[in-house]
């Protein structure tokens, strides 16, 4: 049976295929697996998700747990995320991990002072990163966690020049001066969205 058949329907048969596909390389299949899990009672899959060793599978499962769990389960979610080696994660998994933290804070509330300290130890030294999306997520999370270094680092990051137009885009815009010239002028005068 495909995972789509389980969306929104409690069905014990969904657990095994959903857990199996949480780490799938295709994000759409991971999404379907997570939705299939979320339709089941949390008590039926929480322990398996917390025990997953594959970082992609664990993070995907923890997103589902953060969406469905009660506030009392937050410590387990945060502890499972803290066990992951941030530096060894792919860029996509780093973003997903940071967004899972944020989702847990939205759903289950602010973490304890001890948990916040552990998260700062895990991610504070990762900011700033070379990736703009990662910097966006890191800065938001570090501000929320009251990082003592985030303001200085963010102000320094804002002083850097905005990213140049990629060569591929520049070549494309130069092909047609009618619309390309107008778009190039707009991009040249565009505010730095990263700083905003």
Protein backbone atom coordinates (compact mmCIF):
# COMPACT_ATOMS: atom_id res chain seq x y z
CA UNK A 1 0.00 0.00 0.00
CA UNK A 2 1.26 3.49 -0.75
CA UNK A 3 1.81 6.01 2.03
CA UNK A 4 -0.83 8.31 0.53
CA UNK A 5 -3.50 5.80 1.50
CA UNK A 6 -2.73 6.40 5.16
CA UNK A 7 -2.97 10.23 5.18
CA UNK A 8 -5.33 11.34 7.87
CA UNK A 9 -6.46 7.82 8.70
CA UNK A 10 -5.44 5.97 11.85
CA UNK A 11 -4.24 2.59 10.67
CA UNK A 12 -1.69 0.39 12.44
CA UNK A 13 -0.51 -0.85 9.03
CA UNK A 14 0.88 2.65 8.33
CA UNK A 15 3.52 2.53 11.07
CA UNK A 16 6.09 0.24 9.49
CA UNK A 17 6.14 1.82 6.00
CA UNK A 18 6.04 5.33 7.45
CA UNK A 19 8.99 4.70 9.77
CA UNK A 20 10.87 3.01 6.94
CA UNK A 21 10.50 6.02 4.63
CA UNK A 22 11.28 8.87 7.06
CA UNK A 23 14.86 8.95 5.75
CA UNK A 24 14.02 8.53 2.06
CA UNK A 25 16.14 10.68 -0.30
CA UNK A 26 13.00 12.13 -1.91
CA UNK A 27 11.56 14.84 0.37
CA UNK A 28 8.06 14.22 -0.96
CA UNK A 29 8.18 10.62 0.21
CA UNK A 30 9.56 11.75 3.59
CA UNK A 31 6.66 14.20 3.83
CA UNK A 32 4.12 11.48 3.03
CA UNK A 33 5.73 9.19 5.62
CA UNK A 34 5.57 11.92 8.26
CA UNK A 35 1.91 12.65 7.53
CA UNK A 36 1.09 8.95 7.76
CA UNK A 37 2.78 8.83 11.18
CA UNK A 38 1.04 11.96 12.41
CA UNK A 39 -2.33 10.34 11.75
CA UNK A 40 -1.48 7.64 14.29
CA UNK A 41 -1.44 7.99 18.06
CA UNK A 42 1.90 9.49 19.17
CA UNK A 43 2.34 6.73 21.75
CA UNK A 44 2.51 4.19 18.91
CA UNK A 45 5.55 5.71 17.19
CA UNK A 46 7.31 8.13 19.53
CA UNK A 47 9.88 5.63 20.86
CA UNK A 48 10.79 4.41 17.37
CA UNK A 49 11.37 7.98 16.11
CA UNK A 50 13.50 8.87 19.13
CA UNK A 51 15.64 5.78 18.50
CA UNK A 52 16.28 6.42 14.79
CA UNK A 53 19.99 6.66 13.99
CA UNK A 54 19.76 8.09 10.46
CA UNK A 55 19.83 11.89 10.86
CA UNK A 56 17.36 12.57 8.03
CA UNK A 57 14.89 10.02 9.35
CA UNK A 58 15.27 11.22 12.93
CA UNK A 59 14.77 14.88 12.06
CA UNK A 60 11.77 14.12 9.85
CA UNK A 61 10.20 12.01 12.59
CA UNK A 62 10.92 14.68 15.19
CA UNK A 63 9.14 17.26 13.04
CA UNK A 64 6.08 15.03 13.27
CA UNK A 65 6.58 14.58 16.99
CA UNK A 66 6.96 18.34 17.52
CA UNK A 67 3.70 18.84 15.62
CA UNK A 68 1.78 16.26 17.63
CA UNK A 69 3.40 16.00 21.05
CA UNK A 70 2.34 17.62 24.29
CA UNK A 71 4.51 20.13 26.16
CA UNK A 72 5.70 17.44 28.59
CA UNK A 73 7.36 15.59 25.68
CA UNK A 74 9.52 18.54 24.61
CA UNK A 75 12.59 17.41 26.59
CA UNK A 76 12.68 14.16 24.62
CA UNK A 77 12.39 16.00 21.29
CA UNK A 78 15.14 18.46 22.16
CA UNK A 79 17.41 15.76 23.58
CA UNK A 80 17.06 13.71 20.38
CA UNK A 81 18.02 16.77 18.29
CA UNK A 82 20.95 17.57 20.59
CA UNK A 83 22.36 14.08 20.04
CA UNK A 84 22.96 14.90 16.36
CA UNK A 85 26.37 16.25 15.33
CA UNK A 86 25.40 19.53 13.67
CA UNK A 87 28.69 19.89 11.79
CA UNK A 88 28.28 16.47 10.16
CA UNK A 89 24.75 17.14 8.88
CA UNK A 90 23.99 18.05 5.28
CA UNK A 91 22.90 21.62 4.70
CA UNK A 92 19.28 20.48 4.23
CA UNK A 93 19.39 18.55 7.51
CA UNK A 94 20.92 21.54 9.32
CA UNK A 95 18.00 23.68 8.15
CA UNK A 96 15.50 20.98 9.10
CA UNK A 97 17.05 20.58 12.55
CA UNK A 98 16.88 24.34 13.22
CA UNK A 99 13.30 24.48 11.98
CA UNK A 100 12.39 21.52 14.20
CA UNK A 101 13.73 23.39 17.22
CA UNK A 102 11.64 26.41 16.24
CA UNK A 103 8.54 24.27 15.69
CA UNK A 104 8.96 22.70 19.11
CA UNK A 105 9.19 26.15 20.71
CA UNK A 106 6.03 27.25 18.90
CA UNK A 107 4.11 24.11 19.86
CA UNK A 108 5.54 23.11 23.25
CA UNK A 109 6.90 26.42 24.55
CA UNK A 110 10.23 27.88 25.54
CA UNK A 111 12.87 25.32 26.53
CA UNK A 112 14.36 25.10 29.99
CA UNK A 113 17.46 27.17 30.72
CA UNK A 114 19.55 23.99 30.72
CA UNK A 115 18.18 22.85 27.34
CA UNK A 116 18.70 26.34 25.88
CA UNK A 117 22.32 26.26 27.07
CA UNK A 118 22.89 22.90 25.39
CA UNK A 119 21.38 24.17 22.14
CA UNK A 120 23.58 27.26 22.24
CA UNK A 121 26.61 25.01 22.70
CA UNK A 122 25.50 23.02 19.64
CA UNK A 123 24.80 25.90 17.23
CA UNK A 124 26.14 29.27 18.44
CA UNK A 125 29.61 28.70 17.00
CA UNK A 126 28.03 27.72 13.64
CA UNK A 127 26.85 31.29 13.06
CA UNK A 128 27.52 32.91 10.72
CA UNK A 129 27.53 30.17 8.11
CA UNK A 130 28.35 30.41 4.42
CA UNK A 131 24.72 29.82 3.45
CA UNK A 132 22.17 32.67 3.62
CA UNK A 133 19.21 30.38 4.46
CA UNK A 134 21.19 28.79 7.25
CA UNK A 135 22.12 32.24 8.58
CA UNK A 136 18.44 33.25 8.58
CA UNK A 137 17.44 30.25 10.66
CA UNK A 138 20.47 30.44 12.94
CA UNK A 139 19.99 34.14 13.67
CA UNK A 140 16.29 33.70 14.52
CA UNK A 141 16.94 30.75 16.78
CA UNK A 142 19.94 32.32 18.49
CA UNK A 143 17.98 35.49 19.24
CA UNK A 144 15.16 33.39 20.72
CA UNK A 145 17.67 31.46 22.85
CA UNK A 146 19.28 34.73 24.07
CA UNK A 147 22.69 34.03 22.59
CA UNK A 148 25.24 36.49 23.98
CA UNK A 149 27.04 36.63 20.60
CA UNK A 150 24.20 36.84 18.08
CA UNK A 151 23.87 40.63 17.93
CA UNK A 152 27.56 41.28 17.30
CA UNK A 153 27.75 38.52 14.71
CA UNK A 154 24.56 39.65 12.96
CA UNK A 155 25.70 43.28 12.75
CA UNK A 156 29.03 42.16 11.29
CA UNK A 157 27.19 39.97 8.79
CA UNK A 158 25.00 42.90 7.74
CA UNK A 159 28.10 44.94 6.88
CA UNK A 160 29.11 42.46 4.21
CA UNK A 161 28.17 43.21 0.61
CA UNK A 162 25.02 41.59 -0.68
CA UNK A 163 25.47 38.56 -2.89
CA UNK A 164 26.38 39.25 -6.47
CA UNK A 165 24.04 38.23 -9.30
CA UNK A 166 25.12 34.77 -10.39
CA UNK A 167 26.90 34.47 -13.73
CA UNK A 168 24.13 32.27 -15.07
CA UNK A 169 21.49 34.89 -14.28
CA UNK A 170 23.70 37.67 -15.66
CA UNK A 171 24.14 35.81 -18.96
CA UNK A 172 20.41 35.20 -19.19
CA UNK A 173 19.57 38.86 -18.58
CA UNK A 174 22.08 40.05 -21.18
CA UNK A 175 20.37 38.03 -23.93
CA UNK A 176 17.41 40.39 -24.17
CA UNK A 177 17.98 44.02 -23.29
CA UNK A 178 14.22 44.66 -23.44
CA UNK A 179 13.25 42.76 -20.34
CA UNK A 180 16.74 41.71 -19.23
CA UNK A 181 17.99 45.28 -18.88
CA UNK A 182 15.00 46.26 -16.77
CA UNK A 183 15.38 43.25 -14.48
CA UNK A 184 19.15 43.83 -14.19
CA UNK A 185 18.55 47.47 -13.14
CA UNK A 186 15.97 46.35 -10.62
CA UNK A 187 18.35 43.76 -9.15
CA UNK A 188 21.19 46.29 -9.03
CA UNK A 189 19.04 48.63 -6.88
CA UNK A 190 17.33 45.88 -4.90
CA UNK A 191 17.55 46.16 -1.11
CA UNK A 192 19.64 43.53 0.59
CA UNK A 193 16.97 41.03 1.61
CA UNK A 194 19.41 39.16 3.83
CA UNK A 195 19.88 42.26 5.97
CA UNK A 196 16.15 42.94 6.08
